[in-house]
N, C-alpha and C. Protein backbone atom coordinates (compact mmCIF):
# COMPACT_ATOMS: atom_id res chain seq x y z
N UNK A 1 13.24 -15.17 -0.96
CA UNK A 1 14.41 -14.30 -0.72
C UNK A 1 15.80 -15.02 -0.61
N UNK A 2 16.39 -15.03 -1.75
CA UNK A 2 17.76 -15.62 -1.77
C UNK A 2 18.89 -14.63 -1.29
N UNK A 3 19.59 -15.05 -0.26
CA UNK A 3 20.52 -14.08 0.23
C UNK A 3 21.84 -14.18 -0.37
N UNK A 4 22.13 -15.26 -0.90
CA UNK A 4 23.47 -15.54 -1.49
C UNK A 4 23.71 -15.25 -2.90
N UNK A 5 22.72 -14.59 -3.57
CA UNK A 5 22.91 -14.21 -4.93
C UNK A 5 22.83 -12.65 -5.07
N UNK A 6 23.87 -11.95 -5.09
CA UNK A 6 23.78 -10.58 -5.17
C UNK A 6 23.43 -10.03 -6.54
N UNK A 7 23.33 -10.83 -7.54
CA UNK A 7 22.84 -10.36 -8.90
C UNK A 7 21.43 -10.64 -9.17
N UNK A 8 20.71 -11.03 -8.23
CA UNK A 8 19.28 -11.27 -8.28
C UNK A 8 18.52 -10.19 -8.74
N UNK A 9 17.88 -10.11 -9.86
CA UNK A 9 17.16 -8.90 -10.51
C UNK A 9 15.80 -8.68 -9.72
N UNK A 10 15.32 -9.70 -8.98
CA UNK A 10 14.01 -9.49 -8.41
C UNK A 10 14.13 -9.05 -6.90
N UNK A 11 15.41 -8.71 -6.57
CA UNK A 11 15.66 -8.46 -5.09
C UNK A 11 15.13 -7.07 -4.81
N UNK A 12 15.40 -6.03 -5.58
CA UNK A 12 15.17 -4.76 -5.11
C UNK A 12 14.51 -3.63 -5.91
N UNK A 13 13.62 -4.06 -6.77
CA UNK A 13 12.73 -3.10 -7.53
C UNK A 13 11.56 -2.60 -6.55
N UNK A 14 11.41 -1.29 -6.77
CA UNK A 14 10.43 -0.61 -5.94
C UNK A 14 9.06 -0.42 -6.63
N UNK A 15 9.12 0.02 -7.98
CA UNK A 15 7.82 0.15 -8.62
C UNK A 15 7.56 -1.21 -9.36
N UNK A 16 6.73 -1.90 -8.73
CA UNK A 16 6.36 -3.26 -9.25
C UNK A 16 4.82 -3.25 -9.41
N UNK A 17 4.30 -4.30 -10.02
CA UNK A 17 2.82 -4.47 -10.17
C UNK A 17 2.19 -4.71 -8.83
N UNK A 18 2.96 -5.43 -7.84
CA UNK A 18 2.42 -5.49 -6.59
C UNK A 18 2.36 -4.33 -5.83
N UNK A 19 3.37 -3.40 -6.00
CA UNK A 19 3.37 -2.07 -5.35
C UNK A 19 2.24 -1.28 -5.83
N UNK A 20 1.96 -1.28 -7.17
CA UNK A 20 0.84 -0.51 -7.70
C UNK A 20 -0.53 -0.94 -7.20
N UNK A 21 -0.61 -2.34 -7.13
CA UNK A 21 -1.90 -2.95 -6.65
C UNK A 21 -2.14 -2.59 -5.30
N UNK A 22 -1.02 -2.58 -4.47
CA UNK A 22 -1.28 -2.35 -2.87
C UNK A 22 -1.65 -0.91 -2.68
N UNK A 23 -0.92 0.03 -3.53
CA UNK A 23 -1.21 1.35 -3.26
C UNK A 23 -2.56 1.89 -3.90
N UNK A 24 -2.78 1.27 -5.06
CA UNK A 24 -4.13 1.80 -5.67
C UNK A 24 -5.37 1.20 -4.86
N UNK A 25 -5.14 0.17 -4.14
CA UNK A 25 -6.30 -0.34 -3.29
C UNK A 25 -6.18 0.12 -1.89
N UNK A 26 -4.91 0.26 -1.34
CA UNK A 26 -4.71 0.59 0.13
C UNK A 26 -4.84 2.10 0.36
N UNK A 27 -4.36 2.96 -0.52
CA UNK A 27 -4.29 4.44 -0.13
C UNK A 27 -5.88 4.93 -0.10
N UNK A 28 -6.68 4.65 -1.07
CA UNK A 28 -7.98 5.13 -0.97
C UNK A 28 -8.93 4.43 0.13
N UNK A 29 -8.58 3.23 0.40
CA UNK A 29 -9.30 2.53 1.41
C UNK A 29 -9.01 3.10 2.84
N UNK A 30 -7.73 3.31 3.09
CA UNK A 30 -7.41 3.97 4.24
C UNK A 30 -8.06 5.48 4.31
N UNK A 31 -7.98 6.13 3.22
CA UNK A 31 -8.61 7.47 3.26
C UNK A 31 -10.02 7.42 3.55
N UNK A 32 -10.73 6.48 2.91
CA UNK A 32 -12.23 6.45 3.15
C UNK A 32 -12.58 5.91 4.51
N UNK A 33 -11.74 5.01 5.11
CA UNK A 33 -12.05 4.53 6.47
C UNK A 33 -11.80 5.73 7.50
N UNK A 34 -10.70 6.59 7.23
CA UNK A 34 -10.50 7.70 8.14
C UNK A 34 -11.69 8.69 7.88
N UNK A 35 -12.16 8.99 6.77
CA UNK A 35 -13.22 9.89 6.46
C UNK A 35 -14.61 9.38 7.18
N UNK A 36 -14.78 8.03 7.10
CA UNK A 36 -16.01 7.36 7.70
C UNK A 36 -15.89 7.53 9.26
N UNK A 37 -14.60 7.19 9.71
CA UNK A 37 -14.53 7.22 11.27
C UNK A 37 -14.59 8.78 11.73
N UNK A 38 -14.29 9.74 10.88
CA UNK A 38 -14.39 11.13 11.25
C UNK A 38 -15.81 11.54 11.30
N UNK A 39 -16.59 11.05 10.38
CA UNK A 39 -18.04 11.31 10.04
C UNK A 39 -18.76 10.82 11.43
N UNK A 40 -18.28 9.79 12.13
CA UNK A 40 -19.05 9.25 13.12
C UNK A 40 -19.05 10.45 14.34
N UNK A 41 -18.22 11.27 14.39
CA UNK A 41 -18.11 12.26 15.46
C UNK A 41 -18.66 13.61 15.15
N UNK A 42 -19.22 13.64 13.97
CA UNK A 42 -19.83 14.98 13.50
C UNK A 42 -21.22 15.00 14.06
N UNK A 43 -21.55 15.96 14.88
CA UNK A 43 -22.87 16.10 15.43
C UNK A 43 -23.78 16.96 14.39
N UNK A 44 -24.95 16.38 14.05
CA UNK A 44 -25.81 17.07 13.12
C UNK A 44 -26.50 18.21 13.78
């Protein structure tokens, strides 16, 4: 993070490959962890 270069093109993009990788892995894994945790409390 270089703070003294205001024209840095890498400073502020939102849709990056890292963003896509984090959300394609993170969002379903959090969803499945929540679903598995909810299934622990379901009485058969």
